[in-house]
Amino acid sequence: MRDNGAARTKGQLSRELSELIGEARSKYGNDYIIVNEASENDPRWTILYQSSKGSGGIKEADIMDRWQ
């Protein structure tokens, strides 16, 4: 996918990250994080599944509660 010998431009890095985000969303929906496992100068992005967490007991506002 990439040439490790050549420096990548900001546009190339942005395009790679956009493709990775698209891949992550298609595989995991919104339950993912993307981690850089290398340096900032030569990033190696990895998709990690992160299970969704509960609401923590916080009740979601219901529009019908207003009239009760």
PDB file of N, CA and C in Angstrom:
ATOM      1  N   MET A   1       0.808  -1.181   0.000  1.00  0.00           N
ATOM      2  CA  MET A   1       0.000   0.000   0.000  1.00  0.00           C
ATOM      3  C   MET A   1       0.860   1.256   0.000  1.00  0.00           C
ATOM      4  N   ARG A   2       1.972   1.268   0.711  1.00  0.00           N
ATOM      5  CA  ARG A   2       2.803   2.460   0.755  1.00  0.00           C
ATOM      6  C   ARG A   2       4.262   2.110   0.555  1.00  0.00           C
ATOM      7  N   ASP A   3       5.011   3.086   0.134  1.00  0.00           N
ATOM      8  CA  ASP A   3       6.439   2.919  -0.087  1.00  0.00           C
ATOM      9  C   ASP A   3       7.169   3.445   1.136  1.00  0.00           C
ATOM     10  N   ASN A   4       7.774   2.559   1.926  1.00  0.00           N
ATOM     11  CA  ASN A   4       8.442   2.961   3.157  1.00  0.00           C
ATOM     12  C   ASN A   4       9.672   3.813   2.907  1.00  0.00           C
ATOM     13  N   GLY A   5      10.231   3.784   1.704  1.00  0.00           N
ATOM     14  CA  GLY A   5      11.439   4.528   1.419  1.00  0.00           C
ATOM     15  C   GLY A   5      11.200   6.004   1.154  1.00  0.00           C
ATOM     16  N   ALA A   6      10.005   6.370   0.752  1.00  0.00           N
ATOM     17  CA  ALA A   6       9.731   7.756   0.389  1.00  0.00           C
ATOM     18  C   ALA A   6       8.868   8.430   1.452  1.00  0.00           C
ATOM     19  N   ALA A   7       9.147   9.704   1.682  1.00  0.00           N
ATOM     20  CA  ALA A   7       8.330  10.476   2.614  1.00  0.00           C
ATOM     21  C   ALA A   7       6.973  10.740   1.974  1.00  0.00           C
ATOM     22  N   ARG A   8       5.937  10.637   2.757  1.00  0.00           N
ATOM     23  CA  ARG A   8       4.590  10.864   2.240  1.00  0.00           C
ATOM     24  C   ARG A   8       4.166  12.304   2.490  1.00  0.00           C
ATOM     25  N   THR A   9       3.394  12.829   1.578  1.00  0.00           N
ATOM     26  CA  THR A   9       2.897  14.191   1.731  1.00  0.00           C
ATOM     27  C   THR A   9       1.716  14.193   2.691  1.00  0.00           C
ATOM     28  N   LYS A  10       1.346  15.387   3.125  1.00  0.00           N
ATOM     29  CA  LYS A  10       0.206  15.528   4.020  1.00  0.00           C
ATOM     30  C   LYS A  10      -1.065  14.998   3.358  1.00  0.00           C
ATOM     31  N   GLY A  11      -1.203  15.240   2.062  1.00  0.00           N
ATOM     32  CA  GLY A  11      -2.365  14.744   1.327  1.00  0.00           C
ATOM     33  C   GLY A  11      -2.421  13.228   1.282  1.00  0.00           C
ATOM     34  N   GLN A  12      -1.261  12.589   1.090  1.00  0.00           N
ATOM     35  CA  GLN A  12      -1.211  11.121   1.068  1.00  0.00           C
ATOM     36  C   GLN A  12      -1.576  10.556   2.438  1.00  0.00           C
ATOM     37  N   LEU A  13      -1.045  11.171   3.503  1.00  0.00           N
ATOM     38  CA  LEU A  13      -1.358  10.709   4.857  1.00  0.00           C
ATOM     39  C   LEU A  13      -2.847  10.868   5.145  1.00  0.00           C
ATOM     40  N   SER A  14      -3.396  11.993   4.728  1.00  0.00           N
ATOM     41  CA  SER A  14      -4.817  12.252   4.927  1.00  0.00           C
ATOM     42  C   SER A  14      -5.671  11.240   4.170  1.00  0.00           C
ATOM     43  N   ARG A  15      -5.291  10.939   2.941  1.00  0.00           N
ATOM     44  CA  ARG A  15      -6.016   9.966   2.121  1.00  0.00           C
ATOM     45  C   ARG A  15      -5.954   8.566   2.749  1.00  0.00           C
ATOM     46  N   GLU A  16      -4.771   8.165   3.228  1.00  0.00           N
ATOM     47  CA  GLU A  16      -4.630   6.857   3.877  1.00  0.00           C
ATOM     48  C   GLU A  16      -5.515   6.765   5.109  1.00  0.00           C
ATOM     49  N   LEU A  17      -5.519   7.834   5.903  1.00  0.00           N
ATOM     50  CA  LEU A  17      -6.324   7.830   7.116  1.00  0.00           C
ATOM     51  C   LEU A  17      -7.812   7.804   6.787  1.00  0.00           C
ATOM     52  N   SER A  18      -8.225   8.520   5.762  1.00  0.00           N
ATOM     53  CA  SER A  18      -9.628   8.505   5.333  1.00  0.00           C
ATOM     54  C   SER A  18     -10.051   7.110   4.883  1.00  0.00           C
ATOM     55  N   GLU A  19      -9.187   6.428   4.139  1.00  0.00           N
ATOM     56  CA  GLU A  19      -9.476   5.058   3.708  1.00  0.00           C
ATOM     57  C   GLU A  19      -9.588   4.133   4.911  1.00  0.00           C
ATOM     58  N   LEU A  20      -8.715   4.328   5.891  1.00  0.00           N
ATOM     59  CA  LEU A  20      -8.727   3.497   7.091  1.00  0.00           C
ATOM     60  C   LEU A  20     -10.006   3.720   7.892  1.00  0.00           C
ATOM     61  N   ILE A  21     -10.441   4.967   7.989  1.00  0.00           N
ATOM     62  CA  ILE A  21     -11.683   5.272   8.700  1.00  0.00           C
ATOM     63  C   ILE A  21     -12.863   4.614   7.991  1.00  0.00           C
ATOM     64  N   GLY A  22     -12.889   4.664   6.681  1.00  0.00           N
ATOM     65  CA  GLY A  22     -13.955   4.013   5.921  1.00  0.00           C
ATOM     66  C   GLY A  22     -13.978   2.511   6.149  1.00  0.00           C
ATOM     67  N   GLU A  23     -12.795   1.905   6.157  1.00  0.00           N
ATOM     68  CA  GLU A  23     -12.692   0.470   6.416  1.00  0.00           C
ATOM     69  C   GLU A  23     -13.174   0.135   7.824  1.00  0.00           C
ATOM     70  N   ALA A  24     -12.782   0.946   8.799  1.00  0.00           N
ATOM     71  CA  ALA A  24     -13.181   0.704  10.190  1.00  0.00           C
ATOM     72  C   ALA A  24     -14.690   0.813  10.351  1.00  0.00           C
ATOM     73  N   ARG A  25     -15.288   1.818   9.739  1.00  0.00           N
ATOM     74  CA  ARG A  25     -16.739   1.996   9.847  1.00  0.00           C
ATOM     75  C   ARG A  25     -17.495   0.856   9.193  1.00  0.00           C
ATOM     76  N   SER A  26     -16.975   0.343   8.077  1.00  0.00           N
ATOM     77  CA  SER A  26     -17.667  -0.762   7.411  1.00  0.00           C
ATOM     78  C   SER A  26     -17.560  -2.050   8.220  1.00  0.00           C
ATOM     79  N   LYS A  27     -16.461  -2.238   8.945  1.00  0.00           N
ATOM     80  CA  LYS A  27     -16.275  -3.451   9.743  1.00  0.00           C
ATOM     81  C   LYS A  27     -16.945  -3.370  11.109  1.00  0.00           C
ATOM     82  N   TYR A  28     -16.794  -2.221  11.800  1.00  0.00           N
ATOM     83  CA  TYR A  28     -17.191  -2.131  13.201  1.00  0.00           C
ATOM     84  C   TYR A  28     -18.266  -1.094  13.498  1.00  0.00           C
ATOM     85  N   GLY A  29     -18.797  -0.424  12.504  1.00  0.00           N
ATOM     86  CA  GLY A  29     -19.770   0.637  12.770  1.00  0.00           C
ATOM     87  C   GLY A  29     -19.079   1.794  13.470  1.00  0.00           C
ATOM     88  N   ASN A  30     -19.567   2.159  14.639  1.00  0.00           N
ATOM     89  CA  ASN A  30     -18.943   3.239  15.410  1.00  0.00           C
ATOM     90  C   ASN A  30     -18.117   2.710  16.575  1.00  0.00           C
ATOM     91  N   ASP A  31     -17.938   1.402  16.659  1.00  0.00           N
ATOM     92  CA  ASP A  31     -17.237   0.798  17.791  1.00  0.00           C
ATOM     93  C   ASP A  31     -15.793   0.490  17.441  1.00  0.00           C
ATOM     94  N   TYR A  32     -14.989   1.525  17.245  1.00  0.00           N
ATOM     95  CA  TYR A  32     -13.584   1.323  16.903  1.00  0.00           C
ATOM     96  C   TYR A  32     -12.767   2.521  17.341  1.00  0.00           C
ATOM     97  N   ILE A  33     -11.471   2.297  17.472  1.00  0.00           N
ATOM     98  CA  ILE A  33     -10.515   3.384  17.634  1.00  0.00           C
ATOM     99  C   ILE A  33      -9.384   3.123  16.650  1.00  0.00           C
ATOM    100  N   ILE A  34      -8.709   4.171  16.251  1.00  0.00           N
ATOM    101  CA  ILE A  34      -7.572   4.047  15.344  1.00  0.00           C
ATOM    102  C   ILE A  34      -6.338   4.498  16.103  1.00  0.00           C
ATOM    103  N   VAL A  35      -5.322   3.640  16.138  1.00  0.00           N
ATOM    104  CA  VAL A  35      -4.124   3.877  16.933  1.00  0.00           C
ATOM    105  C   VAL A  35      -2.911   3.931  16.019  1.00  0.00           C
ATOM    106  N   ASN A  36      -2.012   4.859  16.294  1.00  0.00           N
ATOM    107  CA  ASN A  36      -0.741   4.945  15.582  1.00  0.00           C
ATOM    108  C   ASN A  36       0.272   4.105  16.355  1.00  0.00           C
ATOM    109  N   GLU A  37       0.736   3.016  15.775  1.00  0.00           N
ATOM    110  CA  GLU A  37       1.673   2.121  16.452  1.00  0.00           C
ATOM    111  C   GLU A  37       3.130   2.446  16.146  1.00  0.00           C
ATOM    112  N   ALA A  38       3.381   3.511  15.411  1.00  0.00           N
ATOM    113  CA  ALA A  38       4.755   3.879  15.055  1.00  0.00           C
ATOM    114  C   ALA A  38       4.992   5.331  15.468  1.00  0.00           C
ATOM    115  N   SER A  39       5.892   5.991  14.777  1.00  0.00           N
ATOM    116  CA  SER A  39       6.224   7.372  15.118  1.00  0.00           C
ATOM    117  C   SER A  39       5.302   8.353  14.401  1.00  0.00           C
ATOM    118  N   GLU A  40       5.357   9.591  14.831  1.00  0.00           N
ATOM    119  CA  GLU A  40       4.548  10.625  14.199  1.00  0.00           C
ATOM    120  C   GLU A  40       5.038  10.915  12.784  1.00  0.00           C
ATOM    121  N   ASN A  41       6.342  10.771  12.567  1.00  0.00           N
ATOM    122  CA  ASN A  41       6.916  11.029  11.247  1.00  0.00           C
ATOM    123  C   ASN A  41       6.615   9.922  10.246  1.00  0.00           C
ATOM    124  N   ASP A  42       6.462   8.698  10.719  1.00  0.00           N
ATOM    125  CA  ASP A  42       6.159   7.562   9.849  1.00  0.00           C
ATOM    126  C   ASP A  42       5.055   6.738  10.507  1.00  0.00           C
ATOM    127  N   PRO A  43       3.802   7.236  10.470  1.00  0.00           N
ATOM    128  CA  PRO A  43       2.713   6.562  11.184  1.00  0.00           C
ATOM    129  C   PRO A  43       2.355   5.206  10.589  1.00  0.00           C
ATOM    130  N   ARG A  44       1.949   4.317  11.454  1.00  0.00           N
ATOM    131  CA  ARG A  44       1.427   3.004  11.058  1.00  0.00           C
ATOM    132  C   ARG A  44       0.103   2.845  11.807  1.00  0.00           C
ATOM    133  N   TRP A  45      -0.973   3.193  11.147  1.00  0.00           N
ATOM    134  CA  TRP A  45      -2.290   3.203  11.759  1.00  0.00           C
ATOM    135  C   TRP A  45      -2.875   1.799  11.828  1.00  0.00           C
ATOM    136  N   THR A  46      -3.523   1.493  12.942  1.00  0.00           N
ATOM    137  CA  THR A  46      -4.148   0.196  13.156  1.00  0.00           C
ATOM    138  C   THR A  46      -5.559   0.406  13.693  1.00  0.00           C
ATOM    139  N   ILE A  47      -6.496  -0.378  13.194  1.00  0.00           N
ATOM    140  CA  ILE A  47      -7.879  -0.324  13.665  1.00  0.00           C
ATOM    141  C   ILE A  47      -8.028  -1.312  14.817  1.00  0.00           C
ATOM    142  N   LEU A  48      -8.593  -0.848  15.925  1.00  0.00           N
ATOM    143  CA  LEU A  48      -8.868  -1.715  17.061  1.00  0.00           C
ATOM    144  C   LEU A  48     -10.357  -1.650  17.379  1.00  0.00           C
ATOM    145  N   TYR A  49     -10.966  -2.828  17.560  1.00  0.00           N
ATOM    146  CA  TYR A  49     -12.374  -2.876  17.952  1.00  0.00           C
ATOM    147  C   TYR A  49     -12.480  -2.431  19.400  1.00  0.00           C
ATOM    148  N   GLN A  50     -13.439  -1.588  19.688  1.00  0.00           N
ATOM    149  CA  GLN A  50     -13.690  -1.154  21.052  1.00  0.00           C
ATOM    150  C   GLN A  50     -15.183  -1.291  21.283  1.00  0.00           C
ATOM    151  N   SER A  51     -15.553  -2.232  22.145  1.00  0.00           N
ATOM    152  CA  SER A  51     -16.971  -2.484  22.356  1.00  0.00           C
ATOM    153  C   SER A  51     -17.636  -1.250  22.946  1.00  0.00           C
ATOM    154  N   SER A  52     -18.879  -1.057  22.565  1.00  0.00           N
ATOM    155  CA  SER A  52     -19.606   0.113  23.059  1.00  0.00           C
ATOM    156  C   SER A  52     -19.903  -0.065  24.539  1.00  0.00           C
ATOM    157  N   LYS A  53     -19.929   1.051  25.225  1.00  0.00           N
ATOM    158  CA  LYS A  53     -20.173   1.026  26.661  1.00  0.00           C
ATOM    159  C   LYS A  53     -21.632   1.388  26.915  1.00  0.00           C
ATOM    160  N   GLY A  54     -22.101   1.066  28.087  1.00  0.00           N
ATOM    161  CA  GLY A  54     -23.485   1.362  28.440  1.00  0.00           C
ATOM    162  C   GLY A  54     -23.692   2.838  28.723  1.00  0.00           C
ATOM    163  N   SER A  55     -24.872   3.180  29.151  1.00  0.00           N
ATOM    164  CA  SER A  55     -25.220   4.578  29.406  1.00  0.00           C
ATOM    165  C   SER A  55     -24.766   5.039  30.781  1.00  0.00           C
ATOM    166  N   GLY A  56     -24.261   4.144  31.608  1.00  0.00           N
ATOM    167  CA  GLY A  56     -23.819   4.527  32.953  1.00  0.00           C
ATOM    168  C   GLY A  56     -24.982   4.887  33.856  1.00  0.00           C
ATOM    169  N   GLY A  57     -26.155   4.393  33.548  1.00  0.00           N
ATOM    170  CA  GLY A  57     -27.328   4.670  34.361  1.00  0.00           C
ATOM    171  C   GLY A  57     -28.004   5.989  34.028  1.00  0.00           C
ATOM    172  N   ILE A  58     -27.485   6.713  33.071  1.00  0.00           N
ATOM    173  CA  ILE A  58     -28.088   7.989  32.689  1.00  0.00           C
ATOM    174  C   ILE A  58     -29.251   7.705  31.755  1.00  0.00           C
ATOM    175  N   LYS A  59     -30.410   8.158  32.163  1.00  0.00           N
ATOM    176  CA  LYS A  59     -31.611   7.919  31.375  1.00  0.00           C
ATOM    177  C   LYS A  59     -31.665   8.909  30.220  1.00  0.00           C
ATOM    178  N   GLU A  60     -31.955   8.407  29.054  1.00  0.00           N
ATOM    179  CA  GLU A  60     -32.102   9.276  27.895  1.00  0.00           C
ATOM    180  C   GLU A  60     -33.437   9.997  27.991  1.00  0.00           C
ATOM    181  N   ALA A  61     -33.430  11.278  27.722  1.00  0.00           N
ATOM    182  CA  ALA A  61     -34.654  12.079  27.813  1.00  0.00           C
ATOM    183  C   ALA A  61     -35.690  11.567  26.823  1.00  0.00           C
ATOM    184  N   ASP A  62     -36.895  11.420  27.305  1.00  0.00           N
ATOM    185  CA  ASP A  62     -37.996  10.965  26.464  1.00  0.00           C
ATOM    186  C   ASP A  62     -38.958  12.131  26.282  1.00  0.00           C
ATOM    187  N   ILE A  63     -39.300  12.434  25.063  1.00  0.00           N
ATOM    188  CA  ILE A  63     -40.172  13.576  24.787  1.00  0.00           C
ATOM    189  C   ILE A  63     -41.539  13.416  25.446  1.00  0.00           C
ATOM    190  N   MET A  64     -41.990  12.200  25.655  1.00  0.00           N
ATOM    191  CA  MET A  64     -43.306  11.970  26.242  1.00  0.00           C
ATOM    192  C   MET A  64     -43.313  12.221  27.747  1.00  0.00           C
ATOM    193  N   ASP A  65     -42.148  12.325  28.395  1.00  0.00           N
ATOM    194  CA  ASP A  65     -42.094  12.579  29.838  1.00  0.00           C
ATOM    195  C   ASP A  65     -42.595  13.977  30.188  1.00  0.00           C
ATOM    196  N   ARG A  66     -42.638  14.888  29.254  1.00  0.00           N
ATOM    197  CA  ARG A  66     -43.081  16.261  29.521  1.00  0.00           C
ATOM    198  C   ARG A  66     -44.543  16.331  29.938  1.00  0.00           C
ATOM    199  N   TRP A  67     -45.367  15.473  29.388  1.00  0.00           N
ATOM    200  CA  TRP A  67     -46.798  15.562  29.607  1.00  0.00           C
ATOM    201  C   TRP A  67     -47.307  14.608  30.678  1.00  0.00           C
ATOM    202  N   GLN A  68     -46.447  14.067  31.461  1.00  0.00           N
ATOM    203  CA  GLN A  68     -46.901  13.147  32.518  1.00  0.00           C
ATOM    204  C   GLN A  68     -46.885  13.825  33.853  1.00  0.00           C
TER     205      GLN A  68
END
